């Protein structure tokens, strides 16, 4: 499965990419074990929600402005945005079904 549908956000592209529709953002770091464990789930969700919702990743080590603005202090943190507004936040490792239903509830 390719990463074609998975967005990689940074401080400059973040606001524009979450402004419209439903977007799930995975705040992660390369050194984070649980982040590595959830990565395949995030990729799978990006593929299954293509055209319906955006699935994105944001490296907290490279994107301090966004990370600080949203007060992300533990990772993985997954924040669901709808039209630029935070609607749900999950901290820690979760299964695919939990994330899938969270996204579907905001579509």
C-alpha atoms as a PDB file:
ATOM      1  CA  UNK A   1       0.000   0.000   0.000  1.00  0.00           C
ATOM      2  CA  UNK A   2       1.472   3.312  -1.052  1.00  0.00           C
ATOM      3  CA  UNK A   3       1.547   6.578   0.874  1.00  0.00           C
ATOM      4  CA  UNK A   4      -0.154   8.452  -1.993  1.00  0.00           C
ATOM      5  CA  UNK A   5      -3.111   9.512   0.161  1.00  0.00           C
ATOM      6  CA  UNK A   6      -1.138  10.312   3.333  1.00  0.00           C
ATOM      7  CA  UNK A   7      -0.263  13.999   3.736  1.00  0.00           C
ATOM      8  CA  UNK A   8       2.945  15.094   5.421  1.00  0.00           C
ATOM      9  CA  UNK A   9       2.322  18.467   7.023  1.00  0.00           C
ATOM     10  CA  UNK A  10       4.675  21.111   8.379  1.00  0.00           C
ATOM     11  CA  UNK A  11       4.279  24.466  10.116  1.00  0.00           C
ATOM     12  CA  UNK A  12       3.735  26.216   6.768  1.00  0.00           C
ATOM     13  CA  UNK A  13       1.216  23.808   5.216  1.00  0.00           C
ATOM     14  CA  UNK A  14      -0.771  22.861   8.323  1.00  0.00           C
ATOM     15  CA  UNK A  15      -3.447  25.556   8.464  1.00  0.00           C
ATOM     16  CA  UNK A  16      -4.243  25.395   4.755  1.00  0.00           C
ATOM     17  CA  UNK A  17      -4.619  21.593   4.798  1.00  0.00           C
ATOM     18  CA  UNK A  18      -6.983  21.405   7.781  1.00  0.00           C
ATOM     19  CA  UNK A  19      -9.134  24.391   6.731  1.00  0.00           C
ATOM     20  CA  UNK A  20     -11.785  22.434   4.810  1.00  0.00           C
ATOM     21  CA  UNK A  21     -13.402  19.089   5.405  1.00  0.00           C
ATOM     22  CA  UNK A  22     -12.397  16.404   7.878  1.00  0.00           C
ATOM     23  CA  UNK A  23      -8.701  15.892   8.611  1.00  0.00           C
ATOM     24  CA  UNK A  24      -7.076  13.490  11.068  1.00  0.00           C
ATOM     25  CA  UNK A  25      -3.564  14.608  12.040  1.00  0.00           C
ATOM     26  CA  UNK A  26      -1.114  12.181  13.628  1.00  0.00           C
ATOM     27  CA  UNK A  27       1.408  14.127  15.731  1.00  0.00           C
ATOM     28  CA  UNK A  28       4.442  11.831  15.874  1.00  0.00           C
ATOM     29  CA  UNK A  29       8.225  11.581  16.149  1.00  0.00           C
ATOM     30  CA  UNK A  30      10.620   9.143  14.470  1.00  0.00           C
ATOM     31  CA  UNK A  31      12.028   8.030  17.844  1.00  0.00           C
ATOM     32  CA  UNK A  32       8.604   7.199  19.338  1.00  0.00           C
ATOM     33  CA  UNK A  33       7.850   3.464  19.645  1.00  0.00           C
ATOM     34  CA  UNK A  34       4.037   3.742  19.855  1.00  0.00           C
ATOM     35  CA  UNK A  35       4.137   6.159  16.893  1.00  0.00           C
ATOM     36  CA  UNK A  36       5.869   3.466  14.829  1.00  0.00           C
ATOM     37  CA  UNK A  37       3.236   0.955  15.925  1.00  0.00           C
ATOM     38  CA  UNK A  38       0.324   3.171  14.829  1.00  0.00           C
ATOM     39  CA  UNK A  39       1.937   4.205  11.514  1.00  0.00           C
ATOM     40  CA  UNK A  40       0.569   1.228   9.489  1.00  0.00           C
ATOM     41  CA  UNK A  41      -2.937   1.982  10.795  1.00  0.00           C
ATOM     42  CA  UNK A  42      -2.598   5.630   9.749  1.00  0.00           C
ATOM     43  CA  UNK A  43      -1.478   4.545   6.255  1.00  0.00           C
ATOM     44  CA  UNK A  44      -4.419   2.160   5.967  1.00  0.00           C
ATOM     45  CA  UNK A  45      -6.887   4.859   7.050  1.00  0.00           C
ATOM     46  CA  UNK A  46      -5.412   7.287   4.508  1.00  0.00           C
ATOM     47  CA  UNK A  47      -6.120   4.750   1.779  1.00  0.00           C
ATOM     48  CA  UNK A  48      -9.629   3.816   2.961  1.00  0.00           C
ATOM     49  CA  UNK A  49     -10.775   7.437   3.476  1.00  0.00           C
ATOM     50  CA  UNK A  50      -9.284   8.796   0.237  1.00  0.00           C
ATOM     51  CA  UNK A  51     -11.686  11.347  -1.214  1.00  0.00           C
ATOM     52  CA  UNK A  52     -13.749  11.481   2.002  1.00  0.00           C
ATOM     53  CA  UNK A  53     -11.327  12.688   4.682  1.00  0.00           C
ATOM     54  CA  UNK A  54      -7.677  13.722   4.774  1.00  0.00           C
ATOM     55  CA  UNK A  55      -5.220  11.758   6.881  1.00  0.00           C
ATOM     56  CA  UNK A  56      -1.987  13.541   7.733  1.00  0.00           C
ATOM     57  CA  UNK A  57       1.189  13.220   9.774  1.00  0.00           C
ATOM     58  CA  UNK A  58       3.106  16.007  11.481  1.00  0.00           C
ATOM     59  CA  UNK A  59       6.604  15.475  12.919  1.00  0.00           C
ATOM     60  CA  UNK A  60       6.659  17.264  16.285  1.00  0.00           C
ATOM     61  CA  UNK A  61      10.442  17.626  16.213  1.00  0.00           C
ATOM     62  CA  UNK A  62      10.326  19.565  12.933  1.00  0.00           C
ATOM     63  CA  UNK A  63       7.084  21.489  13.519  1.00  0.00           C
ATOM     64  CA  UNK A  64       7.366  23.245  16.854  1.00  0.00           C
ATOM     65  CA  UNK A  65       4.908  26.065  16.052  1.00  0.00           C
ATOM     66  CA  UNK A  66       1.910  23.795  15.402  1.00  0.00           C
ATOM     67  CA  UNK A  67       2.900  21.374  18.156  1.00  0.00           C
ATOM     68  CA  UNK A  68       3.055  24.198  20.701  1.00  0.00           C
ATOM     69  CA  UNK A  69      -0.139  25.869  19.456  1.00  0.00           C
ATOM     70  CA  UNK A  70      -2.145  22.647  19.946  1.00  0.00           C
ATOM     71  CA  UNK A  71      -0.384  21.865  23.245  1.00  0.00           C
ATOM     72  CA  UNK A  72       0.759  18.420  22.150  1.00  0.00           C
ATOM     73  CA  UNK A  73       2.831  17.104  25.059  1.00  0.00           C
ATOM     74  CA  UNK A  74       2.538  13.327  24.569  1.00  0.00           C
ATOM     75  CA  UNK A  75       2.766  11.288  21.408  1.00  0.00           C
ATOM     76  CA  UNK A  76       1.205   9.820  19.485  1.00  0.00           C
ATOM     77  CA  UNK A  77      -1.542  12.439  19.645  1.00  0.00           C
ATOM     78  CA  UNK A  78      -4.255  12.233  17.007  1.00  0.00           C
ATOM     79  CA  UNK A  79      -6.393  15.310  16.493  1.00  0.00           C
ATOM     80  CA  UNK A  80      -9.474  15.283  14.301  1.00  0.00           C
ATOM     81  CA  UNK A  81     -10.294  18.607  12.658  1.00  0.00           C
ATOM     82  CA  UNK A  82     -13.465  19.595  10.840  1.00  0.00           C
ATOM     83  CA  UNK A  83     -13.249  22.750   8.757  1.00  0.00           C
ATOM     84  CA  UNK A  84     -10.180  23.887  10.705  1.00  0.00           C
ATOM     85  CA  UNK A  85     -11.618  23.340  14.184  1.00  0.00           C
ATOM     86  CA  UNK A  86     -10.515  20.606  16.574  1.00  0.00           C
ATOM     87  CA  UNK A  87     -13.417  18.235  17.240  1.00  0.00           C
ATOM     88  CA  UNK A  88     -11.717  15.264  18.936  1.00  0.00           C
ATOM     89  CA  UNK A  89      -8.336  14.346  20.381  1.00  0.00           C
ATOM     90  CA  UNK A  90      -6.884  10.964  21.266  1.00  0.00           C
ATOM     91  CA  UNK A  91      -3.566  10.552  23.048  1.00  0.00           C
ATOM     92  CA  UNK A  92      -1.775   7.220  22.853  1.00  0.00           C
ATOM     93  CA  UNK A  93      -1.941   4.096  20.752  1.00  0.00           C
ATOM     94  CA  UNK A  94      -5.412   3.129  19.501  1.00  0.00           C
ATOM     95  CA  UNK A  95      -6.724   0.392  17.236  1.00  0.00           C
ATOM     96  CA  UNK A  96      -7.952   0.870  13.689  1.00  0.00           C
ATOM     97  CA  UNK A  97     -11.632   0.434  14.594  1.00  0.00           C
ATOM     98  CA  UNK A  98     -11.509   3.272  17.150  1.00  0.00           C
ATOM     99  CA  UNK A  99      -9.900   5.671  14.701  1.00  0.00           C
ATOM    100  CA  UNK A 100     -12.161   4.590  11.849  1.00  0.00           C
ATOM    101  CA  UNK A 101     -15.323   5.275  13.876  1.00  0.00           C
ATOM    102  CA  UNK A 102     -13.914   8.599  15.122  1.00  0.00           C
ATOM    103  CA  UNK A 103     -13.407   9.772  11.530  1.00  0.00           C
ATOM    104  CA  UNK A 104     -16.783   8.463  10.342  1.00  0.00           C
ATOM    105  CA  UNK A 105     -18.571  10.293  13.179  1.00  0.00           C
ATOM    106  CA  UNK A 106     -17.390  13.637  11.742  1.00  0.00           C
ATOM    107  CA  UNK A 107     -18.110  13.007   8.048  1.00  0.00           C
END
